[in-house]
Every structure is written in structure tokens, then in C-alpha cells.
Amino acid sequence: MAFTPVLIFFAAGIFTVAAAIAAAWVIAPHRPSREKNATYECGEESVGSPWTRFNTRFYIVALIFLVFDVEVLFLYPWALNLRKLGMFAWIDMAIFILILVVGLAYVWGKGDLEWIKPSNSSIGGSGRDEWD
């Protein structure tokens, strides 16, 4: 008896998803053609296999951007309320910004902000790029 609300909520969720899928199946037109089933990529015809190796550097740079972008969002409310919050908030934010600067220096020093990573030959590697 204690789980009745949970079961009702679960059943309502399943019903909602099933109703949405059924409505899409009934309402959506189904007129497949060669052109409609073709792969679409930014308005260009696809070239090559979709299973090619993709450089992860794009994802790393995007994640680094998101981390620093979200962290900068914390600066706005802090700046608006700095006078009310006092010296403790200023010191707290200075430590926060210092942590961000250390993180940025680490990422920059590691070379993750570079689009083209330098060869490993100067570090004692094989001199081959990771995608050769």
C-alpha cells in the first residue's frame, strides 16, 4: 500500500511515453524515398565512411570551454551582491578564481587548448601522431 503512489506515477509515465509514440506513429507521414533516407550533414552530401576515426581533441576543447563557461556564470551573482556579502565573499571568490587559473594553466601547459598537438618526438616518443 505504501508504494501505490510510486506505482501510479510509474504507470502514468509509461502511459505518457506510449501515447506519444502512438500519436507520432499515427500522425507522422511515412513516405520514404531515396532522398529522404539519405544521410544529411550540414546541407552537404556525405563523403566517406561514417566509421572513420574522429579526433577527440574537439570534444576535449568543448568540455574545457563548458567547464570554464559554467564557472564564469558564478561570477555574475557574486559581482551583483559583493557589497552586501563583504570581505569574506571577496576572499572566497579570489580563491575560486585562483583555482580556475590553476586549472587553466594546467590545461594550457598540457597542450589541450591547441588544435594541432606537437609531435611526441621531442618528448621521447615515436614521433608519430596519435592518428597515424
Protein backbone atom coordinates (compact mmCIF):
# COMPACT_ATOMS: atom_id res chain seq x y z
CA MET A 1 0.00 0.00 0.00
CA ALA A 2 2.88 2.38 0.68
CA PHE A 3 4.12 2.05 -2.87
CA THR A 4 0.78 2.80 -4.53
CA PRO A 5 1.69 6.43 -5.41
CA VAL A 6 5.01 5.26 -6.87
CA LEU A 7 3.26 2.62 -8.99
CA ILE A 8 0.67 5.16 -10.18
CA PHE A 9 3.45 7.59 -11.10
CA PHE A 10 5.36 4.82 -12.91
CA ALA A 11 2.22 3.72 -14.80
CA ALA A 12 1.44 7.33 -15.76
CA GLY A 13 4.97 7.75 -17.09
CA ILE A 14 4.75 4.59 -19.17
CA PHE A 15 1.33 5.62 -20.48
CA THR A 16 2.58 9.09 -21.44
CA VAL A 17 5.55 7.71 -23.36
CA ALA A 18 3.41 5.07 -25.09
CA ALA A 19 0.78 7.68 -26.02
CA ALA A 20 3.43 9.99 -27.50
CA ILE A 21 4.93 7.16 -29.57
CA ALA A 22 1.47 6.04 -30.74
CA ALA A 23 0.48 9.60 -31.66
CA ALA A 24 3.69 10.08 -33.65
CA TRP A 25 3.10 6.77 -35.45
CA VAL A 26 -0.48 7.75 -36.36
CA ILE A 27 0.10 11.41 -37.26
CA ALA A 28 3.54 11.36 -38.93
CA PRO A 29 3.59 10.84 -42.69
CA HIS A 30 5.50 7.81 -43.88
CA ARG A 31 6.68 8.39 -47.43
CA PRO A 32 10.23 7.05 -47.59
CA SER A 33 12.31 7.90 -50.61
CA ARG A 34 15.97 7.67 -51.52
CA GLU A 35 16.44 11.38 -50.88
CA LYS A 36 14.61 11.34 -47.53
CA ASN A 37 16.60 8.36 -46.25
CA ALA A 38 19.94 9.85 -47.32
CA THR A 39 22.34 10.99 -44.62
CA TYR A 40 22.18 14.75 -44.09
CA GLU A 41 25.16 16.63 -42.78
CA CYS A 42 25.03 20.43 -42.76
CA GLY A 43 23.47 20.58 -46.21
CA GLU A 44 26.34 18.68 -47.81
CA GLU A 45 26.46 15.24 -49.34
CA SER A 46 28.21 12.79 -47.02
CA VAL A 47 31.63 11.68 -48.20
CA GLY A 48 33.40 8.56 -46.97
CA SER A 49 32.52 6.05 -44.33
CA PRO A 50 30.74 7.11 -41.13
CA TRP A 51 33.10 4.81 -39.19
CA THR A 52 36.22 6.94 -39.66
CA ARG A 53 38.31 7.78 -36.63
CA PHE A 54 37.50 11.18 -35.21
CA ASN A 55 39.99 13.27 -33.29
CA THR A 56 38.88 13.57 -29.66
CA ARG A 57 40.56 16.96 -29.38
CA PHE A 58 37.30 18.62 -30.47
CA TYR A 59 35.46 17.05 -27.53
CA ILE A 60 38.22 17.94 -25.08
CA VAL A 61 38.23 21.60 -26.12
CA ALA A 62 34.42 21.71 -25.95
CA LEU A 63 34.41 20.21 -22.44
CA ILE A 64 37.09 22.62 -21.26
CA PHE A 65 35.08 25.51 -22.67
CA LEU A 66 31.93 24.32 -20.90
CA VAL A 67 33.71 23.92 -17.57
CA PHE A 68 35.15 27.44 -17.66
CA ASP A 69 31.97 28.93 -19.11
CA VAL A 70 29.80 27.49 -16.34
CA GLU A 71 32.30 28.55 -13.70
CA VAL A 72 32.27 32.13 -15.00
CA LEU A 73 28.48 32.15 -14.52
CA PHE A 74 29.14 32.10 -10.77
CA LEU A 75 30.93 35.46 -11.07
CA TYR A 76 27.81 37.39 -12.12
CA PRO A 77 25.66 36.94 -8.98
CA TRP A 78 28.75 37.38 -6.85
CA ALA A 79 29.56 40.70 -8.54
CA LEU A 80 25.99 41.94 -8.08
CA ASN A 81 25.99 41.21 -4.35
CA LEU A 82 29.62 41.94 -3.47
CA ARG A 83 28.88 44.97 -1.29
CA LYS A 84 26.27 43.08 0.73
CA LEU A 85 28.44 40.00 1.14
CA GLY A 86 31.55 41.76 2.40
CA MET A 87 35.20 40.80 2.59
CA PHE A 88 34.58 37.08 3.21
CA ALA A 89 32.83 36.76 -0.17
CA TRP A 90 35.69 38.63 -1.84
CA ILE A 91 38.29 36.26 -0.38
CA ASP A 92 36.11 33.27 -1.21
CA MET A 93 35.80 34.36 -4.85
CA ALA A 94 39.53 35.15 -5.04
CA ILE A 95 40.24 31.54 -4.01
CA PHE A 96 37.68 30.33 -6.55
CA ILE A 97 39.30 32.36 -9.34
CA LEU A 98 42.75 31.15 -8.25
CA ILE A 99 41.56 27.54 -8.61
CA LEU A 100 40.23 28.38 -12.09
CA VAL A 101 43.54 29.99 -13.08
CA VAL A 102 45.48 26.95 -11.83
CA GLY A 103 43.14 24.69 -13.84
CA LEU A 104 43.57 26.84 -16.94
CA ALA A 105 47.37 26.85 -16.51
CA TYR A 106 47.33 23.05 -16.19
CA VAL A 107 45.21 22.57 -19.32
CA TRP A 108 47.25 25.13 -21.24
CA GLY A 109 50.55 23.59 -20.14
CA LYS A 110 49.33 20.12 -21.08
CA GLY A 111 48.61 21.42 -24.59
CA ASP A 112 44.90 20.59 -24.60
CA LEU A 113 43.98 24.05 -25.90
CA GLU A 114 45.99 23.57 -29.10
CA TRP A 115 44.13 22.40 -32.20
CA ILE A 116 47.25 20.74 -33.57
CA LYS A 117 49.21 18.88 -30.92
CA PRO A 118 53.01 18.96 -31.32
CA SER A 119 54.84 15.77 -32.26
CA ASN A 120 55.93 13.41 -29.47
CA SER A 121 59.47 13.11 -30.89
CA SER A 122 60.79 15.96 -28.73
CA ILE A 123 59.45 14.24 -25.61
CA GLY A 124 61.00 10.89 -26.39
CA GLY A 125 58.01 9.41 -28.21
CA SER A 126 57.98 7.64 -31.53
CA GLY A 127 57.40 10.88 -33.46
CA ARG A 128 54.15 9.52 -34.85
CA ASP A 129 50.89 11.36 -34.44
CA GLU A 130 48.19 9.57 -32.46
CA TRP A 131 46.13 9.13 -35.67
CA ASP A 132 48.84 7.70 -37.97
